[in-house]
Amino acid sequence: MPQMSLYFDETLAKQVTEHAKRERKPVSRYVADVLRERINDEWSPEFLACLGSLKPGELVRPDQGDFADDAPRATLTF
C-alpha cells in the first residue's frame, strides 16, 4: 500500500487525533476515510439519470387544510 507523509499544524493534528479516537480508528484510516468521502462526493449516475424526469406541475403539494381543522387541543388553565 502506498504511503504518504502529511504535515499538520498542532491544532489540526490534535483535532484529527481526537476524531479518529471517537471513531475508534487509527489516524491513517480516519484520514483516508475522510479524504475518500470528500473525493467521491459526487452524484451517482442513477441519480443523474432521474434529473428532468418530472415535468412542471407533476409534483403538487396536497392541500394542507386549515389550522382550525387540526386536532383539538386541551385548554390550559392556571
N, C-alpha and C. Protein backbone atom coordinates (compact mmCIF):
# COMPACT_ATOMS: atom_id res chain seq x y z
N MET A 1 0.85 -1.17 0.00
CA MET A 1 0.00 0.00 0.00
C MET A 1 0.90 1.23 0.00
N PRO A 2 0.60 2.21 -0.87
CA PRO A 2 1.42 3.42 -0.90
C PRO A 2 1.33 4.18 0.41
N GLN A 3 2.41 4.89 0.73
CA GLN A 3 2.43 5.70 1.94
C GLN A 3 2.60 7.16 1.57
N MET A 4 2.04 8.03 2.41
CA MET A 4 2.16 9.47 2.21
C MET A 4 2.53 10.11 3.54
N SER A 5 3.22 11.20 3.46
CA SER A 5 3.50 11.99 4.66
C SER A 5 2.65 13.25 4.59
N LEU A 6 1.93 13.52 5.67
CA LEU A 6 1.11 14.72 5.74
C LEU A 6 1.61 15.56 6.90
N TYR A 7 1.62 16.86 6.72
CA TYR A 7 2.10 17.76 7.75
C TYR A 7 0.95 18.67 8.19
N PHE A 8 0.62 18.64 9.47
CA PHE A 8 -0.46 19.43 10.04
C PHE A 8 0.10 20.37 11.09
N ASP A 9 -0.59 21.49 11.29
CA ASP A 9 -0.21 22.31 12.44
C ASP A 9 -0.70 21.58 13.70
N GLU A 10 -0.23 22.01 14.84
CA GLU A 10 -0.50 21.31 16.09
C GLU A 10 -2.00 21.20 16.40
N THR A 11 -2.73 22.28 16.15
CA THR A 11 -4.17 22.28 16.44
C THR A 11 -4.90 21.26 15.58
N LEU A 12 -4.63 21.27 14.29
CA LEU A 12 -5.28 20.32 13.39
C LEU A 12 -4.90 18.89 13.72
N ALA A 13 -3.65 18.66 14.06
CA ALA A 13 -3.21 17.32 14.43
C ALA A 13 -3.98 16.79 15.63
N LYS A 14 -4.21 17.66 16.63
CA LYS A 14 -4.98 17.25 17.80
C LYS A 14 -6.42 16.95 17.43
N GLN A 15 -7.00 17.78 16.57
CA GLN A 15 -8.38 17.56 16.14
C GLN A 15 -8.52 16.24 15.39
N VAL A 16 -7.60 15.98 14.48
CA VAL A 16 -7.64 14.74 13.71
C VAL A 16 -7.51 13.54 14.64
N THR A 17 -6.60 13.62 15.58
CA THR A 17 -6.39 12.53 16.53
C THR A 17 -7.65 12.28 17.36
N GLU A 18 -8.27 13.35 17.83
CA GLU A 18 -9.50 13.21 18.64
C GLU A 18 -10.64 12.60 17.83
N HIS A 19 -10.81 13.05 16.60
CA HIS A 19 -11.86 12.49 15.75
C HIS A 19 -11.61 11.01 15.48
N ALA A 20 -10.36 10.66 15.23
CA ALA A 20 -10.02 9.26 14.99
C ALA A 20 -10.33 8.41 16.23
N LYS A 21 -10.00 8.93 17.40
CA LYS A 21 -10.28 8.20 18.65
C LYS A 21 -11.78 7.99 18.83
N ARG A 22 -12.58 9.05 18.54
CA ARG A 22 -14.04 8.93 18.69
C ARG A 22 -14.62 7.87 17.76
N GLU A 23 -14.02 7.74 16.60
CA GLU A 23 -14.50 6.73 15.65
C GLU A 23 -13.78 5.39 15.81
N ARG A 24 -12.89 5.34 16.80
CA ARG A 24 -12.14 4.12 17.10
C ARG A 24 -11.40 3.59 15.87
N LYS A 25 -10.69 4.51 15.23
CA LYS A 25 -9.91 4.16 14.05
C LYS A 25 -8.49 4.68 14.23
N PRO A 26 -7.54 4.02 13.60
CA PRO A 26 -6.20 4.60 13.55
C PRO A 26 -6.27 5.91 12.76
N VAL A 27 -5.36 6.83 13.06
CA VAL A 27 -5.37 8.13 12.41
C VAL A 27 -5.27 7.96 10.88
N SER A 28 -4.41 7.08 10.42
CA SER A 28 -4.24 6.91 8.98
C SER A 28 -5.54 6.44 8.32
N ARG A 29 -6.27 5.53 8.96
CA ARG A 29 -7.54 5.05 8.42
C ARG A 29 -8.57 6.15 8.43
N TYR A 30 -8.61 6.92 9.53
CA TYR A 30 -9.57 8.03 9.63
C TYR A 30 -9.33 9.05 8.52
N VAL A 31 -8.08 9.47 8.34
CA VAL A 31 -7.76 10.46 7.31
C VAL A 31 -8.10 9.91 5.93
N ALA A 32 -7.77 8.65 5.67
CA ALA A 32 -8.09 8.05 4.37
C ALA A 32 -9.60 8.03 4.13
N ASP A 33 -10.38 7.69 5.16
CA ASP A 33 -11.84 7.66 5.01
C ASP A 33 -12.40 9.04 4.74
N VAL A 34 -11.90 10.05 5.46
CA VAL A 34 -12.37 11.43 5.25
C VAL A 34 -12.04 11.88 3.84
N LEU A 35 -10.83 11.62 3.39
CA LEU A 35 -10.43 12.03 2.04
C LEU A 35 -11.23 11.27 0.98
N ARG A 36 -11.43 9.99 1.19
CA ARG A 36 -12.21 9.18 0.24
C ARG A 36 -13.63 9.73 0.11
N GLU A 37 -14.23 10.06 1.25
CA GLU A 37 -15.59 10.59 1.25
C GLU A 37 -15.63 11.93 0.51
N ARG A 38 -14.65 12.76 0.76
CA ARG A 38 -14.61 14.08 0.13
C ARG A 38 -14.37 13.98 -1.39
N ILE A 39 -13.45 13.12 -1.77
CA ILE A 39 -13.10 12.98 -3.18
C ILE A 39 -14.25 12.34 -3.97
N ASN A 40 -14.94 11.39 -3.34
CA ASN A 40 -16.02 10.68 -4.03
C ASN A 40 -17.38 11.30 -3.79
N ASP A 41 -17.41 12.55 -3.39
CA ASP A 41 -18.66 13.24 -3.10
C ASP A 41 -19.29 13.73 -4.40
N GLU A 42 -19.81 12.78 -5.18
CA GLU A 42 -20.43 13.09 -6.46
C GLU A 42 -21.78 12.41 -6.53
N TRP A 43 -22.64 12.93 -7.39
CA TRP A 43 -23.94 12.31 -7.61
C TRP A 43 -23.76 11.03 -8.41
N SER A 44 -24.52 10.00 -8.04
CA SER A 44 -24.42 8.73 -8.75
C SER A 44 -25.05 8.85 -10.14
N PRO A 45 -24.61 8.04 -11.09
CA PRO A 45 -25.22 8.07 -12.43
C PRO A 45 -26.72 7.78 -12.39
N GLU A 46 -27.14 6.92 -11.45
CA GLU A 46 -28.56 6.60 -11.32
C GLU A 46 -29.36 7.84 -10.92
N PHE A 47 -28.80 8.62 -10.00
CA PHE A 47 -29.48 9.85 -9.58
C PHE A 47 -29.54 10.84 -10.74
N LEU A 48 -28.42 11.03 -11.42
CA LEU A 48 -28.37 11.98 -12.51
C LEU A 48 -29.33 11.60 -13.63
N ALA A 49 -29.56 10.30 -13.83
CA ALA A 49 -30.49 9.86 -14.87
C ALA A 49 -31.92 10.28 -14.56
N CYS A 50 -32.23 10.51 -13.29
CA CYS A 50 -33.59 10.92 -12.89
C CYS A 50 -33.84 12.40 -13.10
N LEU A 51 -32.79 13.19 -13.23
CA LEU A 51 -32.97 14.63 -13.37
C LEU A 51 -33.79 14.94 -14.61
N GLY A 52 -34.76 15.80 -14.45
CA GLY A 52 -35.60 16.20 -15.56
C GLY A 52 -36.72 15.23 -15.86
N SER A 53 -36.88 14.19 -15.04
CA SER A 53 -37.92 13.19 -15.33
C SER A 53 -39.31 13.69 -14.96
N LEU A 54 -39.40 14.70 -14.09
CA LEU A 54 -40.70 15.30 -13.75
C LEU A 54 -40.92 16.53 -14.61
N LYS A 55 -42.11 16.63 -15.13
CA LYS A 55 -42.47 17.81 -15.91
C LYS A 55 -43.08 18.85 -14.96
N PRO A 56 -42.99 20.13 -15.30
CA PRO A 56 -43.57 21.16 -14.44
C PRO A 56 -45.04 20.86 -14.14
N GLY A 57 -45.39 20.96 -12.87
CA GLY A 57 -46.76 20.73 -12.45
C GLY A 57 -47.07 19.29 -12.05
N GLU A 58 -46.17 18.35 -12.29
CA GLU A 58 -46.42 16.95 -11.92
C GLU A 58 -46.29 16.71 -10.43
N LEU A 59 -45.47 17.48 -9.79
CA LEU A 59 -45.27 17.32 -8.36
C LEU A 59 -46.00 18.46 -7.66
N VAL A 60 -47.16 18.14 -7.09
CA VAL A 60 -48.00 19.16 -6.49
C VAL A 60 -48.20 18.84 -5.02
N ARG A 61 -48.03 19.84 -4.18
CA ARG A 61 -48.25 19.66 -2.74
C ARG A 61 -49.74 19.57 -2.47
N PRO A 62 -50.19 18.55 -1.74
CA PRO A 62 -51.61 18.43 -1.44
C PRO A 62 -52.08 19.55 -0.53
N ASP A 63 -53.38 19.81 -0.54
CA ASP A 63 -53.96 20.83 0.31
C ASP A 63 -53.65 20.50 1.76
N GLN A 64 -53.19 21.49 2.51
CA GLN A 64 -52.80 21.28 3.90
C GLN A 64 -53.95 21.50 4.87
N GLY A 65 -55.08 21.93 4.36
CA GLY A 65 -56.22 22.16 5.24
C GLY A 65 -56.03 23.42 6.05
N ASP A 66 -56.98 23.69 6.89
CA ASP A 66 -56.96 24.89 7.71
C ASP A 66 -56.48 24.53 9.11
N PHE A 67 -55.79 25.45 9.76
CA PHE A 67 -55.28 25.19 11.10
C PHE A 67 -56.43 24.85 12.06
N ALA A 68 -57.58 25.47 11.86
CA ALA A 68 -58.73 25.23 12.74
C ALA A 68 -59.22 23.79 12.63
N ASP A 69 -58.92 23.12 11.52
CA ASP A 69 -59.35 21.74 11.33
C ASP A 69 -58.40 20.74 11.98
N ASP A 70 -57.35 21.23 12.57
CA ASP A 70 -56.35 20.37 13.20
C ASP A 70 -56.97 19.69 14.43
N ALA A 71 -56.25 18.77 15.02
CA ALA A 71 -56.73 18.04 16.19
C ALA A 71 -57.04 19.02 17.32
N PRO A 72 -58.11 18.77 18.07
CA PRO A 72 -58.45 19.67 19.18
C PRO A 72 -57.35 19.66 20.24
N ARG A 73 -57.15 20.80 20.85
CA ARG A 73 -56.13 20.94 21.89
C ARG A 73 -56.79 21.15 23.25
N ALA A 74 -56.13 20.67 24.26
CA ALA A 74 -56.64 20.91 25.62
C ALA A 74 -56.42 22.36 26.00
N THR A 75 -57.33 22.90 26.77
CA THR A 75 -57.20 24.27 27.23
C THR A 75 -56.46 24.26 28.57
N LEU A 76 -55.43 25.04 28.66
CA LEU A 76 -54.65 25.11 29.88
C LEU A 76 -55.18 26.23 30.76
N THR A 77 -55.39 25.93 32.02
CA THR A 77 -55.82 26.97 32.95
C THR A 77 -54.81 27.05 34.09
N PHE A 78 -54.59 28.24 34.55
CA PHE A 78 -53.61 28.44 35.63
C PHE A 78 -54.28 28.98 36.86
